[in-house]
Amino acid sequence: YYGGLSEAEIAEAAGISKGTVKSTASRALDALQKIMAGPA
């Protein structure tokens, strides 16, 4: 994801849970996919 860190490493560095990292990354990737797809 970011800087080659694992979800666990990101969670530790950010002081959040691994579940929060996973859900936030998932939402971000979905949003990016929609942006890259362009107008419907």
Protein backbone atom coordinates (compact mmCIF):
# COMPACT_ATOMS: atom_id res chain seq x y z
CA TYR A 1 0.00 0.00 0.00
CA TYR A 2 2.14 2.84 1.23
CA GLY A 3 5.90 2.74 1.17
CA GLY A 4 5.92 -1.03 0.97
CA LEU A 5 4.47 -1.36 4.47
CA SER A 6 2.11 -4.14 5.47
CA GLU A 7 -1.35 -3.39 6.84
CA ALA A 8 -0.07 -4.21 10.32
CA GLU A 9 2.90 -1.85 9.94
CA ILE A 10 0.66 0.97 8.68
CA ALA A 11 -1.74 0.42 11.57
CA GLU A 12 1.08 0.55 14.10
CA ALA A 13 2.66 3.65 12.55
CA ALA A 14 -0.69 5.48 12.38
CA GLY A 15 -1.94 4.31 15.77
CA ILE A 16 -5.09 2.73 14.32
CA SER A 17 -6.41 -0.80 14.00
CA LYS A 18 -5.53 -3.11 11.13
CA GLY A 19 -9.27 -3.27 10.32
CA THR A 20 -9.37 0.51 9.91
CA VAL A 21 -6.39 0.35 7.55
CA LYS A 22 -8.11 -2.34 5.48
CA SER A 23 -11.47 -0.58 5.27
CA THR A 24 -9.96 2.83 4.51
CA ALA A 25 -7.72 1.38 1.80
CA SER A 26 -10.66 -0.46 0.28
CA ARG A 27 -12.77 2.71 0.12
CA ALA A 28 -9.86 4.65 -1.34
CA LEU A 29 -9.21 2.06 -4.05
CA ASP A 30 -12.92 2.00 -4.96
CA ALA A 31 -12.96 5.80 -5.23
CA LEU A 32 -9.82 5.79 -7.37
CA GLN A 33 -11.31 3.17 -9.68
CA LYS A 34 -14.42 5.32 -10.18
CA ILE A 35 -12.31 8.40 -10.90
CA MET A 36 -10.18 6.56 -13.43
CA ALA A 37 -13.24 5.09 -15.15
CA GLY A 38 -14.42 8.61 -15.97
CA PRO A 39 -17.99 9.84 -16.42
CA ALA A 40 -20.67 7.19 -16.65
